[in-house]
Amino acid sequence: MSKENTEKCRKCQAVILLQKLVKNNHICPNCGCYLQFPDMNRLKSLADNGSFDEWKATIEYMNPFEDDKYRSQLRETQKNTI
């Protein structure tokens, strides 16, 4: 098994084939943990074909009160987000 064809469950550490994971809606078949589900795949699973149009895909954050604490929290969250 190659790494690009598998994913490791963050809860039970099981190595799962991506094909099996996709069929199981990115839920670990071992422990039931919900794994990362790519956003466009999530949308495709929810919306009818051709019914979704992406717009403003690169919206930048706003900080209307120029709050430094908010700015640092946002940076930290962005760093920890995939």
Protein backbone atom coordinates (compact mmCIF):
# COMPACT_ATOMS: atom_id res chain seq x y z
CA MET A 1 0.00 0.00 0.00
CA SER A 2 1.39 3.39 -0.93
CA LYS A 3 0.93 6.47 1.25
CA GLU A 4 -0.94 8.42 -1.44
CA ASN A 5 -3.61 5.68 -1.62
CA THR A 6 -4.20 5.52 2.12
CA GLU A 7 -5.11 7.70 5.06
CA LYS A 8 -4.52 7.14 8.75
CA CYS A 9 -7.37 7.56 11.21
CA ARG A 10 -6.49 10.18 13.80
CA LYS A 11 -8.46 8.33 16.49
CA CYS A 12 -7.69 4.60 16.14
CA GLN A 13 -4.57 4.96 13.92
CA ALA A 14 -5.94 2.45 11.39
CA VAL A 15 -4.55 2.75 7.85
CA ILE A 16 -7.51 2.95 5.44
CA LEU A 17 -7.54 2.72 1.65
CA LEU A 18 -8.78 5.99 0.13
CA GLN A 19 -11.19 4.06 -2.08
CA LYS A 20 -12.80 2.51 1.03
CA LEU A 21 -12.84 5.88 2.77
CA VAL A 22 -14.60 7.58 -0.15
CA LYS A 23 -17.25 4.83 -0.24
CA ASN A 24 -17.75 5.34 3.50
CA ASN A 25 -18.09 9.15 3.24
CA HIS A 26 -14.75 9.71 4.99
CA ILE A 27 -15.83 7.90 8.14
CA CYS A 28 -13.35 5.41 9.59
CA PRO A 29 -14.78 1.90 9.12
CA ASN A 30 -12.90 0.78 12.25
CA CYS A 31 -13.99 3.29 14.89
CA GLY A 32 -16.52 5.61 13.20
CA CYS A 33 -14.32 8.71 13.47
CA TYR A 34 -15.16 11.43 10.92
CA LEU A 35 -12.07 12.18 8.87
CA GLN A 36 -11.28 15.23 6.76
CA PHE A 37 -13.65 15.44 3.80
CA PRO A 38 -12.33 17.80 1.07
CA ASP A 39 -14.72 20.75 0.72
CA MET A 40 -15.50 20.33 -2.99
CA ASN A 41 -16.18 16.62 -2.46
CA ARG A 42 -18.54 17.51 0.39
CA LEU A 43 -20.40 19.95 -1.86
CA LYS A 44 -20.62 17.38 -4.66
CA SER A 45 -22.11 14.87 -2.21
CA LEU A 46 -24.76 17.37 -1.07
CA ALA A 47 -25.72 19.31 -4.20
CA ASP A 48 -27.29 18.13 -7.43
CA ASN A 49 -25.00 18.09 -10.48
CA GLY A 50 -24.77 21.56 -12.00
CA SER A 51 -26.69 23.23 -9.17
CA PHE A 52 -23.69 24.73 -7.37
CA ASP A 53 -21.68 27.70 -8.61
CA GLU A 54 -18.68 28.74 -6.54
CA TRP A 55 -18.23 32.48 -6.13
CA LYS A 56 -15.85 34.58 -4.06
CA ALA A 57 -13.61 31.60 -3.40
CA THR A 58 -10.82 33.81 -2.11
CA ILE A 59 -12.59 35.97 0.45
CA GLU A 60 -10.14 37.61 2.80
CA TYR A 61 -10.87 38.23 6.45
CA MET A 62 -12.01 41.59 7.74
CA ASN A 63 -10.99 43.19 11.00
CA PRO A 64 -13.24 46.29 11.14
CA PHE A 65 -12.19 47.24 14.68
CA GLU A 66 -8.46 46.70 14.02
CA ASP A 67 -8.32 44.38 17.05
CA ASP A 68 -4.76 43.02 17.45
CA LYS A 69 -5.95 40.10 19.59
CA TYR A 70 -8.36 39.05 16.83
CA ARG A 71 -5.62 39.34 14.22
CA SER A 72 -3.26 37.07 16.20
CA GLN A 73 -6.04 34.55 16.94
CA LEU A 74 -6.92 34.47 13.26
CA ARG A 75 -3.29 33.84 12.24
CA GLU A 76 -3.01 31.04 14.80
CA THR A 77 -6.25 29.44 13.61
CA GLN A 78 -5.18 29.68 9.96
CA LYS A 79 -1.87 28.01 10.84
CA ASN A 80 -3.70 25.12 12.52
CA THR A 81 -6.25 24.72 9.76
CA ILE A 82 -5.53 22.58 6.77
